[in-house]
Amino acid sequence: MRLRVEFTTEPFDLDEPPAHALVAREVMETAALDAVEVGPFGNTAEGRADEVLSAVDTVLRKALEAGATRVSLQVNVINTAGEGGR
């Protein structure tokens, strides 16, 4: 199964990225994920379910430790050919 995760960390700082955003970016960019997109107001990544879930766990832990007061995320199953429509 493949998953897509979209997430944001808060609070926002429009002048420079806060520590929690930098930590989350580093986790996603170094994880074994496909199609990682990091933006100022949201991040997305795709990959195998176990890799995405592991990265999400790490993002949550590290972002909160680095000062995030809120992490919003959405996880979607990606339909791929050859997987029975799951």
PDB file of N, CA and C in Angstrom:
ATOM      1  N   MET A   1       0.853  -1.186   0.000  1.00  0.00           N
ATOM      2  CA  MET A   1       0.000   0.000   0.000  1.00  0.00           C
ATOM      3  C   MET A   1       0.886   1.232   0.000  1.00  0.00           C
ATOM      4  N   ARG A   2       0.451   2.226  -0.748  1.00  0.00           N
ATOM      5  CA  ARG A   2       1.149   3.508  -0.776  1.00  0.00           C
ATOM      6  C   ARG A   2       0.276   4.578  -0.125  1.00  0.00           C
ATOM      7  N   LEU A   3       0.947   5.518   0.540  1.00  0.00           N
ATOM      8  CA  LEU A   3       0.248   6.602   1.228  1.00  0.00           C
ATOM      9  C   LEU A   3       0.806   7.945   0.803  1.00  0.00           C
ATOM     10  N   ARG A   4      -0.037   8.961   0.929  1.00  0.00           N
ATOM     11  CA  ARG A   4       0.378  10.354   0.757  1.00  0.00           C
ATOM     12  C   ARG A   4       0.083  11.066   2.075  1.00  0.00           C
ATOM     13  N   VAL A   5       1.052  11.785   2.588  1.00  0.00           N
ATOM     14  CA  VAL A   5       0.853  12.573   3.795  1.00  0.00           C
ATOM     15  C   VAL A   5       1.011  14.047   3.446  1.00  0.00           C
ATOM     16  N   GLU A   6       0.126  14.848   4.012  1.00  0.00           N
ATOM     17  CA  GLU A   6       0.206  16.299   3.911  1.00  0.00           C
ATOM     18  C   GLU A   6       0.183  16.826   5.338  1.00  0.00           C
ATOM     19  N   PHE A   7       1.093  17.748   5.665  1.00  0.00           N
ATOM     20  CA  PHE A   7       1.105  18.252   7.040  1.00  0.00           C
ATOM     21  C   PHE A   7       1.652  19.670   7.108  1.00  0.00           C
ATOM     22  N   THR A   8       1.267  20.332   8.182  1.00  0.00           N
ATOM     23  CA  THR A   8       1.804  21.646   8.528  1.00  0.00           C
ATOM     24  C   THR A   8       2.136  21.660  10.007  1.00  0.00           C
ATOM     25  N   THR A   9       3.121  22.465  10.358  1.00  0.00           N
ATOM     26  CA  THR A   9       3.452  22.674  11.764  1.00  0.00           C
ATOM     27  C   THR A   9       3.215  24.141  12.081  1.00  0.00           C
ATOM     28  N   GLU A  10       2.826  24.402  13.287  1.00  0.00           N
ATOM     29  CA  GLU A  10       2.549  25.773  13.725  1.00  0.00           C
ATOM     30  C   GLU A  10       3.237  26.019  15.060  1.00  0.00           C
ATOM     31  N   PRO A  11       3.492  27.236  15.431  1.00  0.00           N
ATOM     32  CA  PRO A  11       3.034  28.488  14.834  1.00  0.00           C
ATOM     33  C   PRO A  11       3.877  28.872  13.626  1.00  0.00           C
ATOM     34  N   PHE A  12       3.245  29.641  12.727  1.00  0.00           N
ATOM     35  CA  PHE A  12       3.912  30.142  11.533  1.00  0.00           C
ATOM     36  C   PHE A  12       4.799  31.321  11.900  1.00  0.00           C
ATOM     37  N   ASP A  13       5.845  31.495  11.141  1.00  0.00           N
ATOM     38  CA  ASP A  13       6.697  32.676  11.226  1.00  0.00           C
ATOM     39  C   ASP A  13       7.006  33.068   9.796  1.00  0.00           C
ATOM     40  N   LEU A  14       6.493  34.193   9.353  1.00  0.00           N
ATOM     41  CA  LEU A  14       6.659  34.596   7.962  1.00  0.00           C
ATOM     42  C   LEU A  14       8.046  35.161   7.665  1.00  0.00           C
ATOM     43  N   ASP A  15       8.805  35.534   8.703  1.00  0.00           N
ATOM     44  CA  ASP A  15      10.127  36.106   8.484  1.00  0.00           C
ATOM     45  C   ASP A  15      11.193  35.038   8.240  1.00  0.00           C
ATOM     46  N   GLU A  16      11.143  33.968   9.013  1.00  0.00           N
ATOM     47  CA  GLU A  16      12.093  32.873   8.835  1.00  0.00           C
ATOM     48  C   GLU A  16      11.463  31.582   9.350  1.00  0.00           C
ATOM     49  N   PRO A  17      11.856  30.462   8.782  1.00  0.00           N
ATOM     50  CA  PRO A  17      11.259  29.189   9.210  1.00  0.00           C
ATOM     51  C   PRO A  17      11.596  28.890  10.669  1.00  0.00           C
ATOM     52  N   PRO A  18      10.593  28.546  11.468  1.00  0.00           N
ATOM     53  CA  PRO A  18      10.858  28.202  12.864  1.00  0.00           C
ATOM     54  C   PRO A  18      11.556  26.838  12.966  1.00  0.00           C
ATOM     55  N   ALA A  19      12.158  26.598  14.109  1.00  0.00           N
ATOM     56  CA  ALA A  19      12.908  25.352  14.319  1.00  0.00           C
ATOM     57  C   ALA A  19      12.062  24.117  14.034  1.00  0.00           C
ATOM     58  N   HIS A  20      10.789  24.126  14.449  1.00  0.00           N
ATOM     59  CA  HIS A  20       9.957  22.939  14.236  1.00  0.00           C
ATOM     60  C   HIS A  20       9.722  22.668  12.756  1.00  0.00           C
ATOM     61  N   ALA A  21       9.647  23.722  11.944  1.00  0.00           N
ATOM     62  CA  ALA A  21       9.474  23.541  10.500  1.00  0.00           C
ATOM     63  C   ALA A  21      10.746  22.995   9.868  1.00  0.00           C
ATOM     64  N   LEU A  22      11.892  23.459  10.313  1.00  0.00           N
ATOM     65  CA  LEU A  22      13.166  22.968   9.787  1.00  0.00           C
ATOM     66  C   LEU A  22      13.387  21.505  10.141  1.00  0.00           C
ATOM     67  N   VAL A  23      13.035  21.125  11.363  1.00  0.00           N
ATOM     68  CA  VAL A  23      13.171  19.736  11.783  1.00  0.00           C
ATOM     69  C   VAL A  23      12.250  18.840  10.950  1.00  0.00           C
ATOM     70  N   ALA A  24      11.008  19.258  10.762  1.00  0.00           N
ATOM     71  CA  ALA A  24      10.061  18.471   9.969  1.00  0.00           C
ATOM     72  C   ALA A  24      10.564  18.323   8.535  1.00  0.00           C
ATOM     73  N   ARG A  25      11.098  19.391   7.974  1.00  0.00           N
ATOM     74  CA  ARG A  25      11.647  19.343   6.608  1.00  0.00           C
ATOM     75  C   ARG A  25      12.788  18.340   6.516  1.00  0.00           C
ATOM     76  N   GLU A  26      13.681  18.378   7.487  1.00  0.00           N
ATOM     77  CA  GLU A  26      14.823  17.461   7.484  1.00  0.00           C
ATOM     78  C   GLU A  26      14.369  16.004   7.562  1.00  0.00           C
ATOM     79  N   VAL A  27      13.399  15.731   8.421  1.00  0.00           N
ATOM     80  CA  VAL A  27      12.886  14.359   8.551  1.00  0.00           C
ATOM     81  C   VAL A  27      12.340  13.873   7.216  1.00  0.00           C
ATOM     82  N   MET A  28      11.524  14.688   6.564  1.00  0.00           N
ATOM     83  CA  MET A  28      10.905  14.264   5.315  1.00  0.00           C
ATOM     84  C   MET A  28      11.932  14.107   4.201  1.00  0.00           C
ATOM     85  N   GLU A  29      12.900  15.000   4.146  1.00  0.00           N
ATOM     86  CA  GLU A  29      13.881  14.943   3.068  1.00  0.00           C
ATOM     87  C   GLU A  29      14.865  13.793   3.230  1.00  0.00           C
ATOM     88  N   THR A  30      15.076  13.312   4.445  1.00  0.00           N
ATOM     89  CA  THR A  30      16.022  12.222   4.663  1.00  0.00           C
ATOM     90  C   THR A  30      15.335  10.865   4.779  1.00  0.00           C
ATOM     91  N   ALA A  31      14.017  10.839   4.854  1.00  0.00           N
ATOM     92  CA  ALA A  31      13.290   9.569   4.920  1.00  0.00           C
ATOM     93  C   ALA A  31      13.272   8.912   3.542  1.00  0.00           C
ATOM     94  N   ALA A  32      13.014   7.621   3.524  1.00  0.00           N
ATOM     95  CA  ALA A  32      12.957   6.868   2.262  1.00  0.00           C
ATOM     96  C   ALA A  32      11.586   7.047   1.623  1.00  0.00           C
ATOM     97  N   LEU A  33      11.280   8.287   1.223  1.00  0.00           N
ATOM     98  CA  LEU A  33       9.977   8.620   0.644  1.00  0.00           C
ATOM     99  C   LEU A  33      10.146   9.101  -0.787  1.00  0.00           C
ATOM    100  N   ASP A  34       9.041   9.064  -1.532  1.00  0.00           N
ATOM    101  CA  ASP A  34       9.020   9.536  -2.916  1.00  0.00           C
ATOM    102  C   ASP A  34       8.307  10.885  -2.956  1.00  0.00           C
ATOM    103  N   ALA A  35       8.615  11.684  -3.945  1.00  0.00           N
ATOM    104  CA  ALA A  35       7.852  12.898  -4.251  1.00  0.00           C
ATOM    105  C   ALA A  35       7.663  13.813  -3.045  1.00  0.00           C
ATOM    106  N   VAL A  36       8.727  14.093  -2.322  1.00  0.00           N
ATOM    107  CA  VAL A  36       8.652  15.003  -1.179  1.00  0.00           C
ATOM    108  C   VAL A  36       8.595  16.436  -1.696  1.00  0.00           C
ATOM    109  N   GLU A  37       7.589  17.178  -1.225  1.00  0.00           N
ATOM    110  CA  GLU A  37       7.462  18.597  -1.559  1.00  0.00           C
ATOM    111  C   GLU A  37       7.339  19.378  -0.259  1.00  0.00           C
ATOM    112  N   VAL A  38       8.262  20.299  -0.057  1.00  0.00           N
ATOM    113  CA  VAL A  38       8.280  21.102   1.157  1.00  0.00           C
ATOM    114  C   VAL A  38       7.963  22.533   0.768  1.00  0.00           C
ATOM    115  N   GLY A  39       6.983  23.122   1.455  1.00  0.00           N
ATOM    116  CA  GLY A  39       6.597  24.493   1.167  1.00  0.00           C
ATOM    117  C   GLY A  39       6.479  25.302   2.438  1.00  0.00           C
ATOM    118  N   PRO A  40       6.272  26.605   2.314  1.00  0.00           N
ATOM    119  CA  PRO A  40       6.200  27.458   3.494  1.00  0.00           C
ATOM    120  C   PRO A  40       4.962  27.213   4.359  1.00  0.00           C
ATOM    121  N   PHE A  41       3.896  26.696   3.770  1.00  0.00           N
ATOM    122  CA  PHE A  41       2.667  26.493   4.540  1.00  0.00           C
ATOM    123  C   PHE A  41       2.184  25.052   4.546  1.00  0.00           C
ATOM    124  N   GLY A  42       2.945  24.152   3.962  1.00  0.00           N
ATOM    125  CA  GLY A  42       2.543  22.760   3.959  1.00  0.00           C
ATOM    126  C   GLY A  42       3.566  21.892   3.263  1.00  0.00           C
ATOM    127  N   ASN A  43       3.538  20.633   3.588  1.00  0.00           N
ATOM    128  CA  ASN A  43       4.485  19.675   3.067  1.00  0.00           C
ATOM    129  C   ASN A  43       3.727  18.427   2.639  1.00  0.00           C
ATOM    130  N   THR A  44       4.198  17.778   1.592  1.00  0.00           N
ATOM    131  CA  THR A  44       3.594  16.522   1.157  1.00  0.00           C
ATOM    132  C   THR A  44       4.701  15.531   0.839  1.00  0.00           C
ATOM    133  N   ALA A  45       4.361  14.260   0.984  1.00  0.00           N
ATOM    134  CA  ALA A  45       5.282  13.194   0.612  1.00  0.00           C
ATOM    135  C   ALA A  45       4.470  11.943   0.328  1.00  0.00           C
ATOM    136  N   GLU A  46       5.036  11.087  -0.489  1.00  0.00           N
ATOM    137  CA  GLU A  46       4.408   9.811  -0.813  1.00  0.00           C
ATOM    138  C   GLU A  46       5.419   8.706  -0.607  1.00  0.00           C
ATOM    139  N   GLY A  47       4.896   7.509  -0.359  1.00  0.00           N
ATOM    140  CA  GLY A  47       5.776   6.359  -0.230  1.00  0.00           C
ATOM    141  C   GLY A  47       5.027   5.146   0.252  1.00  0.00           C
ATOM    142  N   ARG A  48       5.786   4.103   0.496  1.00  0.00           N
ATOM    143  CA  ARG A  48       5.199   2.874   1.038  1.00  0.00           C
ATOM    144  C   ARG A  48       4.643   3.178   2.431  1.00  0.00           C
ATOM    145  N   ALA A  49       3.579   2.484   2.781  1.00  0.00           N
ATOM    146  CA  ALA A  49       2.879   2.766   4.043  1.00  0.00           C
ATOM    147  C   ALA A  49       3.817   2.748   5.239  1.00  0.00           C
ATOM    148  N   ASP A  50       4.668   1.741   5.359  1.00  0.00           N
ATOM    149  CA  ASP A  50       5.538   1.659   6.534  1.00  0.00           C
ATOM    150  C   ASP A  50       6.518   2.823   6.593  1.00  0.00           C
ATOM    151  N   GLU A  51       7.010   3.269   5.445  1.00  0.00           N
ATOM    152  CA  GLU A  51       7.939   4.399   5.424  1.00  0.00           C
ATOM    153  C   GLU A  51       7.236   5.711   5.770  1.00  0.00           C
ATOM    154  N   VAL A  52       6.040   5.914   5.227  1.00  0.00           N
ATOM    155  CA  VAL A  52       5.281   7.142   5.516  1.00  0.00           C
ATOM    156  C   VAL A  52       4.910   7.193   6.994  1.00  0.00           C
ATOM    157  N   LEU A  53       4.414   6.094   7.534  1.00  0.00           N
ATOM    158  CA  LEU A  53       4.000   6.083   8.939  1.00  0.00           C
ATOM    159  C   LEU A  53       5.185   6.293   9.872  1.00  0.00           C
ATOM    160  N   SER A  54       6.317   5.734   9.530  1.00  0.00           N
ATOM    161  CA  SER A  54       7.518   5.943  10.339  1.00  0.00           C
ATOM    162  C   SER A  54       7.946   7.413  10.295  1.00  0.00           C
ATOM    163  N   ALA A  55       7.904   8.008   9.107  1.00  0.00           N
ATOM    164  CA  ALA A  55       8.270   9.423   8.975  1.00  0.00           C
ATOM    165  C   ALA A  55       7.296  10.309   9.734  1.00  0.00           C
ATOM    166  N   VAL A  56       6.009  10.007   9.683  1.00  0.00           N
ATOM    167  CA  VAL A  56       5.007  10.790  10.409  1.00  0.00           C
ATOM    168  C   VAL A  56       5.279  10.729  11.912  1.00  0.00           C
ATOM    169  N   ASP A  57       5.570   9.548  12.423  1.00  0.00           N
ATOM    170  CA  ASP A  57       5.892   9.400  13.850  1.00  0.00           C
ATOM    171  C   ASP A  57       7.075  10.288  14.223  1.00  0.00           C
ATOM    172  N   THR A  58       8.118  10.254  13.402  1.00  0.00           N
ATOM    173  CA  THR A  58       9.307  11.050  13.677  1.00  0.00           C
ATOM    174  C   THR A  58       9.027  12.545  13.563  1.00  0.00           C
ATOM    175  N   VAL A  59       8.269  12.939  12.542  1.00  0.00           N
ATOM    176  CA  VAL A  59       7.919  14.357  12.392  1.00  0.00           C
ATOM    177  C   VAL A  59       7.160  14.850  13.615  1.00  0.00           C
ATOM    178  N   LEU A  60       6.167  14.094  14.053  1.00  0.00           N
ATOM    179  CA  LEU A  60       5.388  14.512  15.221  1.00  0.00           C
ATOM    180  C   LEU A  60       6.264  14.687  16.446  1.00  0.00           C
ATOM    181  N   ARG A  61       7.072  13.702  16.731  1.00  0.00           N
ATOM    182  CA  ARG A  61       7.925  13.752  17.923  1.00  0.00           C
ATOM    183  C   ARG A  61       8.919  14.911  17.868  1.00  0.00           C
ATOM    184  N   LYS A  62       9.623  15.024  16.749  1.00  0.00           N
ATOM    185  CA  LYS A  62      10.672  16.040  16.651  1.00  0.00           C
ATOM    186  C   LYS A  62      10.120  17.454  16.527  1.00  0.00           C
ATOM    187  N   ALA A  63       9.028  17.620  15.794  1.00  0.00           N
ATOM    188  CA  ALA A  63       8.450  18.963  15.659  1.00  0.00           C
ATOM    189  C   ALA A  63       7.927  19.465  17.005  1.00  0.00           C
ATOM    190  N   LEU A  64       7.266  18.603  17.748  1.00  0.00           N
ATOM    191  CA  LEU A  64       6.767  19.009  19.063  1.00  0.00           C
ATOM    192  C   LEU A  64       7.922  19.324  20.008  1.00  0.00           C
ATOM    193  N   GLU A  65       8.969  18.505  19.961  1.00  0.00           N
ATOM    194  CA  GLU A  65      10.149  18.773  20.792  1.00  0.00           C
ATOM    195  C   GLU A  65      10.807  20.090  20.422  1.00  0.00           C
ATOM    196  N   ALA A  66      10.702  20.488  19.144  1.00  0.00           N
ATOM    197  CA  ALA A  66      11.346  21.718  18.661  1.00  0.00           C
ATOM    198  C   ALA A  66      10.452  22.946  18.796  1.00  0.00           C
ATOM    199  N   GLY A  67       9.287  22.805  19.441  1.00  0.00           N
ATOM    200  CA  GLY A  67       8.468  23.970  19.731  1.00  0.00           C
ATOM    201  C   GLY A  67       7.154  24.093  18.982  1.00  0.00           C
ATOM    202  N   ALA A  68       6.803  23.128  18.144  1.00  0.00           N
ATOM    203  CA  ALA A  68       5.497  23.201  17.474  1.00  0.00           C
ATOM    204  C   ALA A  68       4.394  23.114  18.524  1.00  0.00           C
ATOM    205  N   THR A  69       3.386  23.940  18.354  1.00  0.00           N
ATOM    206  CA  THR A  69       2.236  23.900  19.261  1.00  0.00           C
ATOM    207  C   THR A  69       1.052  23.202  18.609  1.00  0.00           C
ATOM    208  N   ARG A  70       1.194  22.940  17.298  1.00  0.00           N
ATOM    209  CA  ARG A  70       0.137  22.244  16.573  1.00  0.00           C
ATOM    210  C   ARG A  70       0.738  21.609  15.318  1.00  0.00           C
ATOM    211  N   VAL A  71       0.339  20.383  15.051  1.00  0.00           N
ATOM    212  CA  VAL A  71       0.715  19.717  13.811  1.00  0.00           C
ATOM    213  C   VAL A  71      -0.583  19.198  13.203  1.00  0.00           C
ATOM    214  N   SER A  72      -0.890  19.665  12.009  1.00  0.00           N
ATOM    215  CA  SER A  72      -2.082  19.208  11.303  1.00  0.00           C
ATOM    216  C   SER A  72      -1.623  18.288  10.181  1.00  0.00           C
ATOM    217  N   LEU A  73      -2.269  17.116  10.094  1.00  0.00           N
ATOM    218  CA  LEU A  73      -1.867  16.225   9.027  1.00  0.00           C
ATOM    219  C   LEU A  73      -3.040  15.451   8.467  1.00  0.00           C
ATOM    220  N   GLN A  74      -2.838  15.021   7.245  1.00  0.00           N
ATOM    221  CA  GLN A  74      -3.827  14.203   6.548  1.00  0.00           C
ATOM    222  C   GLN A  74      -3.064  13.094   5.852  1.00  0.00           C
ATOM    223  N   VAL A  75      -3.559  11.872   5.962  1.00  0.00           N
ATOM    224  CA  VAL A  75      -2.944  10.728   5.302  1.00  0.00           C
ATOM    225  C   VAL A  75      -3.976  10.108   4.384  1.00  0.00           C
ATOM    226  N   ASN A  76      -3.591   9.889   3.127  1.00  0.00           N
ATOM    227  CA  ASN A  76      -4.485   9.286   2.141  1.00  0.00           C
ATOM    228  C   ASN A  76      -3.847   8.053   1.536  1.00  0.00           C
ATOM    229  N   VAL A  77      -4.677   7.045   1.269  1.00  0.00           N
ATOM    230  CA  VAL A  77      -4.231   5.875   0.529  1.00  0.00           C
ATOM    231  C   VAL A  77      -4.226   6.255  -0.945  1.00  0.00           C
ATOM    232  N   ILE A  78      -3.151   5.923  -1.631  1.00  0.00           N
ATOM    233  CA  ILE A  78      -3.027   6.208  -3.051  1.00  0.00           C
ATOM    234  C   ILE A  78      -3.400   4.957  -3.820  1.00  0.00           C
ATOM    235  N   ASN A  79      -4.349   5.086  -4.717  1.00  0.00           N
ATOM    236  CA  ASN A  79      -4.727   3.968  -5.584  1.00  0.00           C
ATOM    237  C   ASN A  79      -3.668   3.798  -6.652  1.00  0.00           C
ATOM    238  N   THR A  80      -3.150   2.598  -6.744  1.00  0.00           N
ATOM    239  CA  THR A  80      -2.161   2.320  -7.772  1.00  0.00           C
ATOM    240  C   THR A  80      -2.584   1.104  -8.573  1.00  0.00           C
ATOM    241  N   ALA A  81      -2.240   1.093  -9.824  1.00  0.00           N
ATOM    242  CA  ALA A  81      -2.574  -0.046 -10.695  1.00  0.00           C
ATOM    243  C   ALA A  81      -1.903  -1.302 -10.166  1.00  0.00           C
ATOM    244  N   GLY A  82      -2.620  -2.403 -10.234  1.00  0.00           N
ATOM    245  CA  GLY A  82      -2.067  -3.674  -9.798  1.00  0.00           C
ATOM    246  C   GLY A  82      -2.233  -3.962  -8.327  1.00  0.00           C
ATOM    247  N   GLU A  83      -2.908  -3.092  -7.594  1.00  0.00           N
ATOM    248  CA  GLU A  83      -3.121  -3.337  -6.169  1.00  0.00           C
ATOM    249  C   GLU A  83      -4.579  -3.587  -5.862  1.00  0.00           C
ATOM    250  N   GLY A  84      -5.338  -4.014  -6.822  1.00  0.00           N
ATOM    251  CA  GLY A  84      -6.718  -4.382  -6.569  1.00  0.00           C
ATOM    252  C   GLY A  84      -7.610  -3.227  -6.223  1.00  0.00           C
ATOM    253  N   GLY A  85      -7.262  -1.989  -6.636  1.00  0.00           N
ATOM    254  CA  GLY A  85      -8.114  -0.837  -6.366  1.00  0.00           C
ATOM    255  C   GLY A  85      -8.058  -0.352  -4.937  1.00  0.00           C
ATOM    256  N   ARG A  86      -7.060  -0.804  -4.192  1.00  0.00           N
ATOM    257  CA  ARG A  86      -6.932  -0.363  -2.809  1.00  0.00           C
ATOM    258  C   ARG A  86      -6.054   0.826  -2.703  1.00  0.00           C
TER     259      ARG A  86
END
